[in-house]
C-alpha cells in the first residue's frame, strides 16, 4: 500500500465539506504553532533514543507538511507531489559531487559549492545571511550566522581573542548593571552570549545542545528535590 497517497487522501477527506470542522477552519498561519510544536517533539524523540517514539513524531511532522500542501492545493498553488519533486530536484542539484562528475568531495569545497548554488538559485538574496529565518531561536540563529560568516573572516576565530572579548563584555555587563543602565546591560549581555556561542563554534561544540543538556540536568535535579520534599512531608503527616 502507498501510505503517502493514503495520507494525502485522508487529508483531502478531512478538509472536504463534510469533513472535520476543526481541520476545515485551519490556515497556514493558524497551523504555525503546531508545526513548531511537532518539530520540537521530533527533537525530543531523537534525544530519548527510542525508534518507535521517533517514528510516531516524524509522522506527526509529516502530517503538517501534507496539511500545508493540501491548503495550497485547494488554492491551486501547489500540491504535495510538487513539494516532493522540488526537494528531490534540489538534492540532486546541490550534490554535484554525488550526482555529477568531477566535483571535489572535500567537505570545505562541498560547503563552498553549496553556498554558491544557493546564491545562484536565489539571486534576490544580496547577503549570505539573507536566507536565515528570523524566527529561529536567538542562540541557534547566532550559531548559524557564525557558521556562514566563518569563511569571510568577519568574526575572530582565535580562541584567545574570543576569550578576551568574553571577558570584556562580562566587565561591561557588570559596570552597566551597577550603573542601572538597562539598555547597555542588554547590549552587553547579548554580545556576551554571542561570543560564548562563537567560542563554542570555533571549538566545534554546539552551544544550543550544551545549553539544552544543562537545562535537562537541572530539571532532573529539581524534580528529584521535589520528590524528596513530598516524601518528607508524607512522613510528617
C-alpha atoms as a PDB file:
ATOM      1  CA  UNK A   1       0.000   0.000   0.000  1.00  0.00           C
ATOM      2  CA  UNK A   2       1.189   3.512  -0.798  1.00  0.00           C
ATOM      3  CA  UNK A   3       0.770   5.072   2.650  1.00  0.00           C
ATOM      4  CA  UNK A   4       1.819   8.528   1.472  1.00  0.00           C
ATOM      5  CA  UNK A   5      -1.013   8.621  -1.072  1.00  0.00           C
ATOM      6  CA  UNK A   6      -3.393   7.304   1.595  1.00  0.00           C
ATOM      7  CA  UNK A   7      -2.315  10.151   3.876  1.00  0.00           C
ATOM      8  CA  UNK A   8      -2.987  12.690   1.118  1.00  0.00           C
ATOM      9  CA  UNK A   9      -6.477  11.224   0.558  1.00  0.00           C
ATOM     10  CA  UNK A  10      -7.211  11.304   4.298  1.00  0.00           C
ATOM     11  CA  UNK A  11      -6.215  14.962   4.446  1.00  0.00           C
ATOM     12  CA  UNK A  12      -8.423  15.757   1.454  1.00  0.00           C
ATOM     13  CA  UNK A  13     -11.333  13.985   3.167  1.00  0.00           C
ATOM     14  CA  UNK A  14     -10.790  15.891   6.416  1.00  0.00           C
ATOM     15  CA  UNK A  15     -10.866  19.180   4.527  1.00  0.00           C
ATOM     16  CA  UNK A  16     -13.955  18.265   2.480  1.00  0.00           C
ATOM     17  CA  UNK A  17     -17.343  19.980   3.134  1.00  0.00           C
ATOM     18  CA  UNK A  18     -18.476  17.029   5.241  1.00  0.00           C
ATOM     19  CA  UNK A  19     -15.067  16.529   6.817  1.00  0.00           C
ATOM     20  CA  UNK A  20     -13.757  17.700  10.186  1.00  0.00           C
ATOM     21  CA  UNK A  21     -14.928  21.210  11.239  1.00  0.00           C
ATOM     22  CA  UNK A  22     -11.631  21.881  13.037  1.00  0.00           C
ATOM     23  CA  UNK A  23      -9.484  20.881  10.059  1.00  0.00           C
ATOM     24  CA  UNK A  24     -11.653  22.940   7.723  1.00  0.00           C
ATOM     25  CA  UNK A  25     -11.039  26.096   9.788  1.00  0.00           C
ATOM     26  CA  UNK A  26      -7.256  25.899   9.639  1.00  0.00           C
ATOM     27  CA  UNK A  27      -4.979  28.166   7.597  1.00  0.00           C
ATOM     28  CA  UNK A  28      -1.226  28.274   7.027  1.00  0.00           C
ATOM     29  CA  UNK A  29      -0.932  30.854   9.819  1.00  0.00           C
ATOM     30  CA  UNK A  30      -3.174  29.043  12.299  1.00  0.00           C
ATOM     31  CA  UNK A  31      -1.064  25.888  11.861  1.00  0.00           C
ATOM     32  CA  UNK A  32       2.252  27.608  12.640  1.00  0.00           C
ATOM     33  CA  UNK A  33       2.223  26.765  16.391  1.00  0.00           C
ATOM     34  CA  UNK A  34       1.534  23.098  15.628  1.00  0.00           C
ATOM     35  CA  UNK A  35       4.355  22.925  13.104  1.00  0.00           C
ATOM     36  CA  UNK A  36       6.746  24.354  15.684  1.00  0.00           C
ATOM     37  CA  UNK A  37       5.465  22.039  18.424  1.00  0.00           C
ATOM     38  CA  UNK A  38       5.747  18.917  16.257  1.00  0.00           C
ATOM     39  CA  UNK A  39       9.296  19.890  15.249  1.00  0.00           C
ATOM     40  CA  UNK A  40      10.323  20.130  18.900  1.00  0.00           C
ATOM     41  CA  UNK A  41       8.633  16.809  19.673  1.00  0.00           C
ATOM     42  CA  UNK A  42      10.750  15.188  16.941  1.00  0.00           C
ATOM     43  CA  UNK A  43      13.864  16.684  18.563  1.00  0.00           C
ATOM     44  CA  UNK A  44      12.792  15.312  21.960  1.00  0.00           C
ATOM     45  CA  UNK A  45      12.209  11.868  20.443  1.00  0.00           C
ATOM     46  CA  UNK A  46      15.724  11.918  18.966  1.00  0.00           C
ATOM     47  CA  UNK A  47      17.131  12.706  22.403  1.00  0.00           C
ATOM     48  CA  UNK A  48      15.096   9.916  24.026  1.00  0.00           C
ATOM     49  CA  UNK A  49      16.593   7.475  21.534  1.00  0.00           C
ATOM     50  CA  UNK A  50      13.529   5.236  21.089  1.00  0.00           C
ATOM     51  CA  UNK A  51      12.864   4.387  17.409  1.00  0.00           C
ATOM     52  CA  UNK A  52       9.119   3.906  17.938  1.00  0.00           C
ATOM     53  CA  UNK A  53       8.800   7.374  19.509  1.00  0.00           C
ATOM     54  CA  UNK A  54      10.778   8.957  16.669  1.00  0.00           C
ATOM     55  CA  UNK A  55       8.650   7.131  14.077  1.00  0.00           C
ATOM     56  CA  UNK A  56       5.457   8.483  15.626  1.00  0.00           C
ATOM     57  CA  UNK A  57       6.722  12.051  15.926  1.00  0.00           C
ATOM     58  CA  UNK A  58       8.065  12.064  12.368  1.00  0.00           C
ATOM     59  CA  UNK A  59       4.577  11.008  11.282  1.00  0.00           C
ATOM     60  CA  UNK A  60       3.065  13.955  13.144  1.00  0.00           C
ATOM     61  CA  UNK A  61       5.565  16.294  11.476  1.00  0.00           C
ATOM     62  CA  UNK A  62       4.830  14.774   8.052  1.00  0.00           C
ATOM     63  CA  UNK A  63       1.137  15.441   8.655  1.00  0.00           C
ATOM     64  CA  UNK A  64       1.934  19.137   8.975  1.00  0.00           C
ATOM     65  CA  UNK A  65       3.684  19.078   5.583  1.00  0.00           C
ATOM     66  CA  UNK A  66       0.720  17.269   3.995  1.00  0.00           C
ATOM     67  CA  UNK A  67      -1.738  19.646   5.698  1.00  0.00           C
ATOM     68  CA  UNK A  68       0.008  22.759   4.356  1.00  0.00           C
ATOM     69  CA  UNK A  69       0.268  21.135   0.924  1.00  0.00           C
ATOM     70  CA  UNK A  70      -3.474  20.395   0.954  1.00  0.00           C
ATOM     71  CA  UNK A  71      -4.261  24.035   1.796  1.00  0.00           C
ATOM     72  CA  UNK A  72      -2.088  25.145  -1.123  1.00  0.00           C
ATOM     73  CA  UNK A  73      -3.671  22.546  -3.433  1.00  0.00           C
ATOM     74  CA  UNK A  74      -7.128  23.937  -2.666  1.00  0.00           C
ATOM     75  CA  UNK A  75      -5.905  27.357  -3.844  1.00  0.00           C
ATOM     76  CA  UNK A  76      -4.335  25.703  -6.907  1.00  0.00           C
ATOM     77  CA  UNK A  77      -0.909  26.988  -5.759  1.00  0.00           C
ATOM     78  CA  UNK A  78       0.934  23.644  -5.466  1.00  0.00           C
ATOM     79  CA  UNK A  79       0.429  20.124  -4.108  1.00  0.00           C
ATOM     80  CA  UNK A  80       2.343  17.568  -2.059  1.00  0.00           C
ATOM     81  CA  UNK A  81       3.766  15.833  -5.146  1.00  0.00           C
ATOM     82  CA  UNK A  82       5.230  19.151  -6.291  1.00  0.00           C
ATOM     83  CA  UNK A  83       6.701  19.702  -2.829  1.00  0.00           C
ATOM     84  CA  UNK A  84       8.388  16.272  -3.033  1.00  0.00           C
ATOM     85  CA  UNK A  85       9.611  16.970  -6.589  1.00  0.00           C
ATOM     86  CA  UNK A  86      11.054  20.347  -5.582  1.00  0.00           C
ATOM     87  CA  UNK A  87      13.124  18.943  -2.723  1.00  0.00           C
ATOM     88  CA  UNK A  88      14.229  15.957  -4.834  1.00  0.00           C
ATOM     89  CA  UNK A  89      15.415  18.250  -7.624  1.00  0.00           C
ATOM     90  CA  UNK A  90      17.197  20.427  -5.076  1.00  0.00           C
ATOM     91  CA  UNK A  91      19.033  17.444  -3.554  1.00  0.00           C
ATOM     92  CA  UNK A  92      20.338  16.414  -6.969  1.00  0.00           C
ATOM     93  CA  UNK A  93      21.336  19.970  -7.889  1.00  0.00           C
ATOM     94  CA  UNK A  94      23.051  20.657  -4.543  1.00  0.00           C
ATOM     95  CA  UNK A  95      25.099  17.425  -4.610  1.00  0.00           C
ATOM     96  CA  UNK A  96      27.182  17.566  -7.824  1.00  0.00           C
ATOM     97  CA  UNK A  97      29.864  15.530  -6.016  1.00  0.00           C
ATOM     98  CA  UNK A  98      27.366  12.648  -5.810  1.00  0.00           C
ATOM     99  CA  UNK A  99      25.126  13.021  -8.875  1.00  0.00           C
ATOM    100  CA  UNK A 100      27.588  14.794 -11.173  1.00  0.00           C
ATOM    101  CA  UNK A 101      31.157  14.254 -12.352  1.00  0.00           C
ATOM    102  CA  UNK A 102      34.468  15.788 -11.356  1.00  0.00           C
ATOM    103  CA  UNK A 103      33.275  17.773  -8.335  1.00  0.00           C
ATOM    104  CA  UNK A 104      35.505  17.852  -5.258  1.00  0.00           C
ATOM    105  CA  UNK A 105      34.477  15.619  -2.348  1.00  0.00           C
ATOM    106  CA  UNK A 106      36.338  17.647   0.296  1.00  0.00           C
ATOM    107  CA  UNK A 107      33.973  18.948   2.999  1.00  0.00           C
ATOM    108  CA  UNK A 108      35.222  22.542   2.697  1.00  0.00           C
ATOM    109  CA  UNK A 109      34.715  22.502  -1.083  1.00  0.00           C
ATOM    110  CA  UNK A 110      31.293  20.877  -0.719  1.00  0.00           C
ATOM    111  CA  UNK A 111      30.163  23.604   1.722  1.00  0.00           C
ATOM    112  CA  UNK A 112      31.539  26.341  -0.522  1.00  0.00           C
ATOM    113  CA  UNK A 113      29.788  24.880  -3.576  1.00  0.00           C
ATOM    114  CA  UNK A 114      26.545  24.512  -1.588  1.00  0.00           C
ATOM    115  CA  UNK A 115      26.535  28.219  -0.745  1.00  0.00           C
ATOM    116  CA  UNK A 116      27.418  29.117  -4.342  1.00  0.00           C
ATOM    117  CA  UNK A 117      24.496  27.059  -5.682  1.00  0.00           C
ATOM    118  CA  UNK A 118      22.142  28.640  -3.155  1.00  0.00           C
ATOM    119  CA  UNK A 119      23.152  32.098  -4.366  1.00  0.00           C
ATOM    120  CA  UNK A 120      22.508  31.043  -7.973  1.00  0.00           C
ATOM    121  CA  UNK A 121      19.069  29.695  -7.029  1.00  0.00           C
ATOM    122  CA  UNK A 122      18.135  32.797  -5.024  1.00  0.00           C
ATOM    123  CA  UNK A 123      19.596  35.789  -6.915  1.00  0.00           C
ATOM    124  CA  UNK A 124      17.314  38.131  -4.949  1.00  0.00           C
ATOM    125  CA  UNK A 125      19.344  37.409  -1.821  1.00  0.00           C
ATOM    126  CA  UNK A 126      22.078  40.026  -1.573  1.00  0.00           C
ATOM    127  CA  UNK A 127      23.792  38.586   1.506  1.00  0.00           C
ATOM    128  CA  UNK A 128      24.835  35.124   2.644  1.00  0.00           C
ATOM    129  CA  UNK A 129      22.740  35.827   5.756  1.00  0.00           C
ATOM    130  CA  UNK A 130      19.527  36.646   3.890  1.00  0.00           C
ATOM    131  CA  UNK A 131      18.269  33.057   3.972  1.00  0.00           C
ATOM    132  CA  UNK A 132      18.407  32.696   7.755  1.00  0.00           C
ATOM    133  CA  UNK A 133      14.874  32.660   9.239  1.00  0.00           C
ATOM    134  CA  UNK A 134      14.283  35.466  11.728  1.00  0.00           C
ATOM    135  CA  UNK A 135      12.038  33.095  13.692  1.00  0.00           C
ATOM    136  CA  UNK A 136      14.974  30.868  14.680  1.00  0.00           C
ATOM    137  CA  UNK A 137      15.703  30.858  18.432  1.00  0.00           C
ATOM    138  CA  UNK A 138      18.286  33.580  19.058  1.00  0.00           C
ATOM    139  CA  UNK A 139      21.080  31.242  20.182  1.00  0.00           C
ATOM    140  CA  UNK A 140      20.578  28.902  17.231  1.00  0.00           C
ATOM    141  CA  UNK A 141      20.450  31.859  14.816  1.00  0.00           C
ATOM    142  CA  UNK A 142      23.711  33.179  16.262  1.00  0.00           C
ATOM    143  CA  UNK A 143      25.361  29.826  15.635  1.00  0.00           C
ATOM    144  CA  UNK A 144      24.097  29.631  12.060  1.00  0.00           C
ATOM    145  CA  UNK A 145      25.328  33.193  11.424  1.00  0.00           C
ATOM    146  CA  UNK A 146      28.728  32.288  12.820  1.00  0.00           C
ATOM    147  CA  UNK A 147      28.944  29.191  10.621  1.00  0.00           C
ATOM    148  CA  UNK A 148      28.154  31.199   7.498  1.00  0.00           C
ATOM    149  CA  UNK A 149      30.487  34.085   8.383  1.00  0.00           C
ATOM    150  CA  UNK A 150      33.449  31.898   9.373  1.00  0.00           C
ATOM    151  CA  UNK A 151      34.719  31.708   5.767  1.00  0.00           C
ATOM    152  CA  UNK A 152      34.706  35.530   5.411  1.00  0.00           C
ATOM    153  CA  UNK A 153      36.981  36.299   8.393  1.00  0.00           C
ATOM    154  CA  UNK A 154      34.357  38.748   9.651  1.00  0.00           C
ATOM    155  CA  UNK A 155      34.468  37.251  13.159  1.00  0.00           C
ATOM    156  CA  UNK A 156      37.548  36.332  15.179  1.00  0.00           C
ATOM    157  CA  UNK A 157      38.447  32.644  15.041  1.00  0.00           C
ATOM    158  CA  UNK A 158      41.200  32.596  17.648  1.00  0.00           C
ATOM    159  CA  UNK A 159      40.050  31.088  20.987  1.00  0.00           C
ATOM    160  CA  UNK A 160      42.357  33.504  22.833  1.00  0.00           C
ATOM    161  CA  UNK A 161      40.887  36.539  21.035  1.00  0.00           C
ATOM    162  CA  UNK A 162      37.330  35.372  21.688  1.00  0.00           C
ATOM    163  CA  UNK A 163      38.163  34.785  25.363  1.00  0.00           C
ATOM    164  CA  UNK A 164      39.269  38.424  25.654  1.00  0.00           C
ATOM    165  CA  UNK A 165      36.011  39.584  24.069  1.00  0.00           C
ATOM    166  CA  UNK A 166      34.027  37.439  26.527  1.00  0.00           C
ATOM    167  CA  UNK A 167      35.935  38.941  29.455  1.00  0.00           C
ATOM    168  CA  UNK A 168      35.446  42.465  28.080  1.00  0.00           C
ATOM    169  CA  UNK A 169      31.669  42.080  27.698  1.00  0.00           C
ATOM    170  CA  UNK A 170      31.422  40.498  31.168  1.00  0.00           C
ATOM    171  CA  UNK A 171      33.107  43.589  32.608  1.00  0.00           C
ATOM    172  CA  UNK A 172      30.832  45.869  30.540  1.00  0.00           C
ATOM    173  CA  UNK A 173      27.777  43.981  31.765  1.00  0.00           C
ATOM    174  CA  UNK A 174      28.760  44.305  35.426  1.00  0.00           C
ATOM    175  CA  UNK A 175      29.507  48.022  35.004  1.00  0.00           C
ATOM    176  CA  UNK A 176      26.206  48.801  33.249  1.00  0.00           C
ATOM    177  CA  UNK A 177      24.326  46.811  35.911  1.00  0.00           C
ATOM    178  CA  UNK A 178      25.985  48.809  38.673  1.00  0.00           C
ATOM    179  CA  UNK A 179      25.006  51.996  36.849  1.00  0.00           C
ATOM    180  CA  UNK A 180      21.454  50.625  36.357  1.00  0.00           C
ATOM    181  CA  UNK A 181      21.627  51.183  32.603  1.00  0.00           C
ATOM    182  CA  UNK A 182      19.188  48.590  31.312  1.00  0.00           C
ATOM    183  CA  UNK A 183      19.727  49.097  27.581  1.00  0.00           C
ATOM    184  CA  UNK A 184      23.503  48.903  27.915  1.00  0.00           C
ATOM    185  CA  UNK A 185      23.131  45.825  30.122  1.00  0.00           C
ATOM    186  CA  UNK A 186      21.027  44.084  27.472  1.00  0.00           C
ATOM    187  CA  UNK A 187      23.525  45.034  24.768  1.00  0.00           C
ATOM    188  CA  UNK A 188      26.477  43.671  26.760  1.00  0.00           C
ATOM    189  CA  UNK A 189      24.553  40.541  27.713  1.00  0.00           C
ATOM    190  CA  UNK A 190      23.692  39.902  24.051  1.00  0.00           C
ATOM    191  CA  UNK A 191      27.333  40.312  22.997  1.00  0.00           C
ATOM    192  CA  UNK A 192      28.492  38.113  25.865  1.00  0.00           C
ATOM    193  CA  UNK A 193      26.159  35.280  24.830  1.00  0.00           C
ATOM    194  CA  UNK A 194      27.120  35.755  21.164  1.00  0.00           C
ATOM    195  CA  UNK A 195      30.838  35.471  21.916  1.00  0.00           C
ATOM    196  CA  UNK A 196      30.281  32.441  24.158  1.00  0.00           C
ATOM    197  CA  UNK A 197      28.439  30.805  21.256  1.00  0.00           C
ATOM    198  CA  UNK A 198      31.280  31.809  18.927  1.00  0.00           C
ATOM    199  CA  UNK A 199      33.772  30.222  21.316  1.00  0.00           C
ATOM    200  CA  UNK A 200      31.762  27.004  21.133  1.00  0.00           C
ATOM    201  CA  UNK A 201      31.564  27.189  17.328  1.00  0.00           C
ATOM    202  CA  UNK A 202      35.329  27.638  16.969  1.00  0.00           C
ATOM    203  CA  UNK A 203      35.911  24.650  19.247  1.00  0.00           C
ATOM    204  CA  UNK A 204      33.426  22.520  17.232  1.00  0.00           C
ATOM    205  CA  UNK A 205      30.908  22.474  20.078  1.00  0.00           C
ATOM    206  CA  UNK A 206      27.177  23.135  19.806  1.00  0.00           C
ATOM    207  CA  UNK A 207      26.027  25.836  22.214  1.00  0.00           C
ATOM    208  CA  UNK A 208      22.324  25.014  21.682  1.00  0.00           C
ATOM    209  CA  UNK A 209      22.916  21.338  22.518  1.00  0.00           C
ATOM    210  CA  UNK A 210      25.104  22.182  25.504  1.00  0.00           C
ATOM    211  CA  UNK A 211      22.516  24.541  26.968  1.00  0.00           C
ATOM    212  CA  UNK A 212      19.751  22.020  26.302  1.00  0.00           C
ATOM    213  CA  UNK A 213      21.671  19.325  28.177  1.00  0.00           C
ATOM    214  CA  UNK A 214      22.259  21.676  31.107  1.00  0.00           C
ATOM    215  CA  UNK A 215      18.555  22.594  31.196  1.00  0.00           C
ATOM    216  CA  UNK A 216      17.639  18.907  31.291  1.00  0.00           C
ATOM    217  CA  UNK A 217      20.142  18.113  34.055  1.00  0.00           C
ATOM    218  CA  UNK A 218      18.874  20.978  36.219  1.00  0.00           C
ATOM    219  CA  UNK A 219      15.285  19.943  35.505  1.00  0.00           C
ATOM    220  CA  UNK A 220      16.025  16.379  36.613  1.00  0.00           C
ATOM    221  CA  UNK A 221      17.725  17.607  39.803  1.00  0.00           C
ATOM    222  CA  UNK A 222      14.805  19.860  40.652  1.00  0.00           C
ATOM    223  CA  UNK A 223      12.262  17.079  40.059  1.00  0.00           C
ATOM    224  CA  UNK A 224      14.264  14.794  42.344  1.00  0.00           C
ATOM    225  CA  UNK A 225      14.318  17.519  45.001  1.00  0.00           C
ATOM    226  CA  UNK A 226      10.546  17.925  44.630  1.00  0.00           C
ATOM    227  CA  UNK A 227      10.023  14.206  45.145  1.00  0.00           C
ATOM    228  CA  UNK A 228      12.282  14.232  48.219  1.00  0.00           C
ATOM    229  CA  UNK A 229      10.260  17.108  49.719  1.00  0.00           C
ATOM    230  CA  UNK A 230       6.970  15.323  49.035  1.00  0.00           C
ATOM    231  CA  UNK A 231       8.248  12.128  50.667  1.00  0.00           C
ATOM    232  CA  UNK A 232       9.359  14.037  53.775  1.00  0.00           C
ATOM    233  CA  UNK A 233       6.003  15.825  54.008  1.00  0.00           C
ATOM    234  CA  UNK A 234       4.152  12.500  53.747  1.00  0.00           C
ATOM    235  CA  UNK A 235       6.251  11.058  56.567  1.00  0.00           C
ATOM    236  CA  UNK A 236       5.435  14.068  58.762  1.00  0.00           C
ATOM    237  CA  UNK A 237       1.721  13.674  58.150  1.00  0.00           C
END
